[in-house]
Structures are given as structure tokens and as C-alpha cells.
Amino acid sequence: MTSLTSIFAKGEKMKATWKLQDAKAKFSKVVEDALTTGPQHVTRRGTEAVVVISVNDYEKLLSTKPSFKDFLLGCPKMDNDFELERQKDFPRSIDF
């Protein structure tokens, strides 16, 4: 019996999952697999707890997400002649 289980989902790559006790005992293998085959999921008491990934994958995650300021500054700009048209609704009548 192996400690590594593979789970296939629709259209997804193989998901490598380790029990925490097995991951601790074979940490070098977990790290090597993270470097060569991709993320290694570690469960604790049957629930996913952490994912071990390579530094390259981690840097990609950090670099693809812009800061909030950069996100706002990257939004489309409105022209100077842009006018907002509001619908001319009247308030409803309420009987007291």
C-alpha cells in the first residue's frame, strides 16, 4: 500500500495527496515530487490542510496578482465628454 493517492477529476491534472504522517516520514519525496510533478496536497485528519509547491509555482502565484492600486489604475478610463444619464423616475406615492 502506498501513501500517495492519485485523484482524477474532470479535465484536471492528477492530484497528489499525502496523509500528514506519511508526508512527514517522506518529506524529501514530497518536496521532490512538488519540484518535478507539481503541487502536493497534504491532509490532516482526512481534511486538506496544506499544499507543497515549488518556489517557481509560488512566484508565479504572487506575480500574477496585481496590487489593489495597480488594479484600480488599470481600469478603463472614461472620456472627458462622458455624461451619466439617469433614468427620470419619480418617487412612489405613500398614503399615510
N, C-alpha and C. Protein backbone atom coordinates (compact mmCIF):
# COMPACT_ATOMS: atom_id res chain seq x y z
N MET A 1 0.85 -1.18 0.00
CA MET A 1 0.00 0.00 0.00
C MET A 1 0.89 1.24 0.00
N THR A 2 0.58 2.19 -0.86
CA THR A 2 1.37 3.40 -0.96
C THR A 2 0.68 4.56 -0.25
N SER A 3 1.48 5.51 0.21
CA SER A 3 0.91 6.65 0.93
C SER A 3 0.40 7.73 -0.02
N LEU A 4 0.82 7.64 -1.27
CA LEU A 4 0.43 8.64 -2.25
C LEU A 4 -0.80 8.15 -3.00
N THR A 5 -1.84 8.96 -3.02
CA THR A 5 -3.03 8.59 -3.78
C THR A 5 -3.23 9.59 -4.89
N SER A 6 -3.73 9.13 -6.00
CA SER A 6 -3.99 9.99 -7.15
C SER A 6 -5.48 10.07 -7.37
N ILE A 7 -5.98 11.27 -7.53
CA ILE A 7 -7.39 11.51 -7.74
C ILE A 7 -7.54 12.21 -9.07
N PHE A 8 -8.40 11.67 -9.94
CA PHE A 8 -8.64 12.31 -11.23
C PHE A 8 -9.99 12.98 -11.21
N ALA A 9 -10.05 14.21 -11.65
CA ALA A 9 -11.30 14.94 -11.76
C ALA A 9 -11.47 15.33 -13.23
N LYS A 10 -12.66 15.73 -13.60
CA LYS A 10 -12.92 16.11 -14.99
C LYS A 10 -11.97 17.21 -15.44
N GLY A 11 -11.20 16.93 -16.48
CA GLY A 11 -10.35 17.93 -17.09
C GLY A 11 -9.21 18.44 -16.23
N GLU A 12 -8.97 17.85 -15.08
CA GLU A 12 -7.90 18.32 -14.21
C GLU A 12 -6.73 17.36 -14.26
N LYS A 13 -5.58 17.88 -13.89
CA LYS A 13 -4.39 17.04 -13.81
C LYS A 13 -4.50 16.12 -12.60
N MET A 14 -3.58 15.19 -12.52
CA MET A 14 -3.55 14.28 -11.39
C MET A 14 -3.28 15.08 -10.11
N LYS A 15 -4.02 14.80 -9.08
CA LYS A 15 -3.88 15.50 -7.80
C LYS A 15 -3.20 14.55 -6.82
N ALA A 16 -2.00 14.91 -6.39
CA ALA A 16 -1.25 14.06 -5.47
C ALA A 16 -1.62 14.43 -4.03
N THR A 17 -2.05 13.45 -3.26
CA THR A 17 -2.48 13.70 -1.88
C THR A 17 -1.72 12.79 -0.93
N TRP A 18 -1.22 13.38 0.13
CA TRP A 18 -0.48 12.66 1.16
C TRP A 18 -1.18 12.83 2.50
N LYS A 19 -1.17 11.77 3.31
CA LYS A 19 -1.59 11.91 4.71
C LYS A 19 -0.45 12.61 5.44
N LEU A 20 -0.77 13.41 6.43
CA LEU A 20 0.24 14.19 7.15
C LEU A 20 1.36 13.31 7.70
N GLN A 21 1.00 12.20 8.31
CA GLN A 21 2.01 11.30 8.90
C GLN A 21 2.96 10.78 7.82
N ASP A 22 2.42 10.41 6.65
CA ASP A 22 3.26 9.92 5.56
C ASP A 22 4.11 11.04 4.97
N ALA A 23 3.55 12.24 4.87
CA ALA A 23 4.30 13.38 4.34
C ALA A 23 5.48 13.72 5.24
N LYS A 24 5.28 13.62 6.57
CA LYS A 24 6.38 13.89 7.50
C LYS A 24 7.47 12.83 7.35
N ALA A 25 7.06 11.58 7.21
CA ALA A 25 8.03 10.49 7.11
C ALA A 25 8.79 10.53 5.79
N LYS A 26 8.16 11.02 4.73
CA LYS A 26 8.78 11.03 3.41
C LYS A 26 8.84 12.45 2.85
N PHE A 27 9.22 13.40 3.68
CA PHE A 27 9.21 14.81 3.28
C PHE A 27 10.10 15.06 2.07
N SER A 28 11.24 14.41 1.99
CA SER A 28 12.13 14.60 0.83
C SER A 28 11.43 14.19 -0.46
N LYS A 29 10.66 13.12 -0.41
CA LYS A 29 9.90 12.66 -1.58
C LYS A 29 8.80 13.66 -1.93
N VAL A 30 8.12 14.19 -0.93
CA VAL A 30 7.07 15.19 -1.16
C VAL A 30 7.66 16.41 -1.86
N VAL A 31 8.81 16.89 -1.37
CA VAL A 31 9.47 18.05 -1.96
C VAL A 31 9.92 17.73 -3.39
N GLU A 32 10.52 16.59 -3.60
CA GLU A 32 10.98 16.20 -4.94
C GLU A 32 9.80 16.12 -5.91
N ASP A 33 8.69 15.54 -5.47
CA ASP A 33 7.50 15.45 -6.33
C ASP A 33 6.91 16.83 -6.62
N ALA A 34 6.97 17.73 -5.64
CA ALA A 34 6.48 19.09 -5.85
C ALA A 34 7.32 19.80 -6.91
N LEU A 35 8.62 19.53 -6.91
CA LEU A 35 9.51 20.14 -7.89
C LEU A 35 9.35 19.55 -9.28
N THR A 36 9.09 18.24 -9.36
CA THR A 36 9.06 17.58 -10.66
C THR A 36 7.66 17.39 -11.25
N THR A 37 6.67 17.08 -10.42
CA THR A 37 5.35 16.76 -10.97
C THR A 37 4.28 17.79 -10.64
N GLY A 38 4.51 18.66 -9.67
CA GLY A 38 3.52 19.68 -9.35
C GLY A 38 3.10 19.66 -7.90
N PRO A 39 2.07 20.44 -7.57
CA PRO A 39 1.63 20.59 -6.18
C PRO A 39 1.32 19.27 -5.49
N GLN A 40 1.69 19.20 -4.21
CA GLN A 40 1.44 18.02 -3.38
C GLN A 40 0.51 18.43 -2.25
N HIS A 41 -0.67 17.84 -2.22
CA HIS A 41 -1.67 18.16 -1.21
C HIS A 41 -1.45 17.27 0.01
N VAL A 42 -1.52 17.88 1.19
CA VAL A 42 -1.33 17.14 2.44
C VAL A 42 -2.62 17.26 3.26
N THR A 43 -3.11 16.11 3.72
CA THR A 43 -4.33 16.11 4.52
C THR A 43 -4.00 15.86 5.98
N ARG A 44 -4.84 16.41 6.86
CA ARG A 44 -4.72 16.16 8.30
C ARG A 44 -6.11 15.77 8.79
N ARG A 45 -6.20 14.60 9.36
CA ARG A 45 -7.47 14.03 9.82
C ARG A 45 -8.50 13.98 8.70
N GLY A 46 -8.04 13.65 7.49
CA GLY A 46 -8.93 13.47 6.36
C GLY A 46 -9.36 14.74 5.65
N THR A 47 -8.87 15.89 6.10
CA THR A 47 -9.23 17.17 5.50
C THR A 47 -7.98 17.81 4.91
N GLU A 48 -8.12 18.38 3.70
CA GLU A 48 -6.96 19.04 3.10
C GLU A 48 -6.48 20.16 4.00
N ALA A 49 -5.17 20.16 4.28
CA ALA A 49 -4.60 21.14 5.20
C ALA A 49 -3.66 22.11 4.49
N VAL A 50 -2.72 21.58 3.71
CA VAL A 50 -1.73 22.43 3.05
C VAL A 50 -1.40 21.86 1.67
N VAL A 51 -0.74 22.71 0.88
CA VAL A 51 -0.23 22.28 -0.42
C VAL A 51 1.24 22.66 -0.49
N VAL A 52 2.08 21.71 -0.85
CA VAL A 52 3.51 21.96 -1.02
C VAL A 52 3.74 22.22 -2.50
N ILE A 53 4.30 23.42 -2.82
CA ILE A 53 4.57 23.77 -4.20
C ILE A 53 6.01 24.25 -4.34
N SER A 54 6.49 24.25 -5.58
CA SER A 54 7.86 24.71 -5.83
C SER A 54 7.92 26.23 -5.71
N VAL A 55 9.12 26.75 -5.55
CA VAL A 55 9.32 28.19 -5.47
C VAL A 55 8.87 28.85 -6.77
N ASN A 56 9.13 28.21 -7.91
CA ASN A 56 8.70 28.78 -9.20
C ASN A 56 7.19 28.94 -9.26
N ASP A 57 6.46 27.91 -8.83
CA ASP A 57 4.99 28.00 -8.82
C ASP A 57 4.52 29.07 -7.85
N TYR A 58 5.18 29.17 -6.71
CA TYR A 58 4.81 30.18 -5.72
C TYR A 58 5.03 31.59 -6.27
N GLU A 59 6.16 31.82 -6.93
CA GLU A 59 6.46 33.13 -7.51
C GLU A 59 5.46 33.48 -8.59
N LYS A 60 5.02 32.50 -9.38
CA LYS A 60 4.01 32.75 -10.40
C LYS A 60 2.70 33.19 -9.75
N LEU A 61 2.34 32.56 -8.65
CA LEU A 61 1.11 32.94 -7.96
C LEU A 61 1.19 34.38 -7.46
N LEU A 62 2.33 34.76 -6.93
CA LEU A 62 2.49 36.12 -6.40
C LEU A 62 2.55 37.15 -7.51
N SER A 63 3.18 36.82 -8.61
CA SER A 63 3.39 37.82 -9.65
C SER A 63 2.17 38.05 -10.52
N THR A 64 1.24 37.11 -10.59
CA THR A 64 0.09 37.28 -11.47
C THR A 64 -1.01 38.12 -10.85
N LYS A 65 -0.94 38.39 -9.58
CA LYS A 65 -1.99 39.15 -8.92
C LYS A 65 -1.49 40.58 -8.69
N PRO A 66 -2.11 41.55 -9.38
CA PRO A 66 -1.67 42.93 -9.19
C PRO A 66 -2.10 43.46 -7.82
N SER A 67 -1.41 44.50 -7.38
CA SER A 67 -1.82 45.14 -6.13
C SER A 67 -3.16 45.82 -6.36
N PHE A 68 -3.85 46.15 -5.29
CA PHE A 68 -5.15 46.80 -5.41
C PHE A 68 -5.02 48.13 -6.15
N LYS A 69 -3.97 48.87 -5.85
CA LYS A 69 -3.73 50.15 -6.50
C LYS A 69 -3.54 49.95 -8.00
N ASP A 70 -2.70 48.97 -8.40
CA ASP A 70 -2.47 48.71 -9.82
C ASP A 70 -3.75 48.26 -10.51
N PHE A 71 -4.55 47.48 -9.81
CA PHE A 71 -5.83 47.03 -10.37
C PHE A 71 -6.74 48.21 -10.68
N LEU A 72 -6.86 49.14 -9.72
CA LEU A 72 -7.72 50.31 -9.93
C LEU A 72 -7.18 51.21 -11.03
N LEU A 73 -5.86 51.38 -11.06
CA LEU A 73 -5.27 52.24 -12.08
C LEU A 73 -5.35 51.61 -13.47
N GLY A 74 -5.52 50.29 -13.53
CA GLY A 74 -5.61 49.59 -14.80
C GLY A 74 -7.02 49.54 -15.37
N CYS A 75 -7.98 50.05 -14.65
CA CYS A 75 -9.37 50.05 -15.14
C CYS A 75 -9.51 50.98 -16.33
N PRO A 76 -10.46 50.71 -17.21
CA PRO A 76 -10.68 51.61 -18.36
C PRO A 76 -11.01 53.02 -17.89
N LYS A 77 -10.49 53.98 -18.61
CA LYS A 77 -10.70 55.39 -18.27
C LYS A 77 -11.94 55.90 -19.01
N MET A 78 -12.67 56.84 -18.39
CA MET A 78 -13.81 57.48 -19.04
C MET A 78 -13.32 58.68 -19.82
N ASP A 79 -13.96 58.94 -20.93
CA ASP A 79 -13.63 60.13 -21.72
C ASP A 79 -14.08 61.38 -20.98
N ASN A 80 -13.49 62.51 -21.34
CA ASN A 80 -13.86 63.78 -20.70
C ASN A 80 -15.29 64.18 -21.02
N ASP A 81 -15.79 63.78 -22.19
CA ASP A 81 -17.14 64.16 -22.57
C ASP A 81 -18.19 63.13 -22.15
N PHE A 82 -17.81 62.20 -21.29
CA PHE A 82 -18.76 61.17 -20.83
C PHE A 82 -19.76 61.80 -19.86
N GLU A 83 -21.04 61.58 -20.15
CA GLU A 83 -22.09 62.08 -19.26
C GLU A 83 -22.95 60.91 -18.82
N LEU A 84 -23.20 60.88 -17.56
CA LEU A 84 -24.03 59.83 -16.99
C LEU A 84 -25.49 60.23 -17.12
N GLU A 85 -26.28 59.40 -17.76
CA GLU A 85 -27.70 59.67 -17.91
C GLU A 85 -28.46 58.87 -16.87
N ARG A 86 -29.24 59.56 -16.09
CA ARG A 86 -30.03 58.91 -15.06
C ARG A 86 -31.47 58.80 -15.54
N GLN A 87 -32.07 57.71 -15.17
CA GLN A 87 -33.47 57.50 -15.51
C GLN A 87 -34.32 58.44 -14.67
N LYS A 88 -35.31 59.05 -15.28
CA LYS A 88 -36.14 60.03 -14.58
C LYS A 88 -37.32 59.31 -13.92
N ASP A 89 -37.04 58.70 -12.81
CA ASP A 89 -38.08 58.04 -12.03
C ASP A 89 -38.61 59.00 -10.97
N PHE A 90 -39.86 58.88 -10.68
CA PHE A 90 -40.46 59.68 -9.63
C PHE A 90 -40.67 58.78 -8.42
N PRO A 91 -40.61 59.35 -7.23
CA PRO A 91 -40.81 58.52 -6.04
C PRO A 91 -42.25 57.99 -6.01
N ARG A 92 -42.42 56.85 -5.43
CA ARG A 92 -43.77 56.29 -5.34
C ARG A 92 -44.57 57.06 -4.29
N SER A 93 -45.85 57.06 -4.48
CA SER A 93 -46.69 57.78 -3.52
C SER A 93 -47.07 56.84 -2.39
N ILE A 94 -47.04 57.38 -1.18
CA ILE A 94 -47.35 56.59 0.00
C ILE A 94 -48.51 57.28 0.72
N ASP A 95 -49.53 56.52 1.03
CA ASP A 95 -50.67 57.05 1.77
C ASP A 95 -50.44 56.89 3.26
N PHE A 96 -50.63 57.96 3.99
CA PHE A 96 -50.47 57.90 5.46
C PHE A 96 -51.81 57.90 6.13
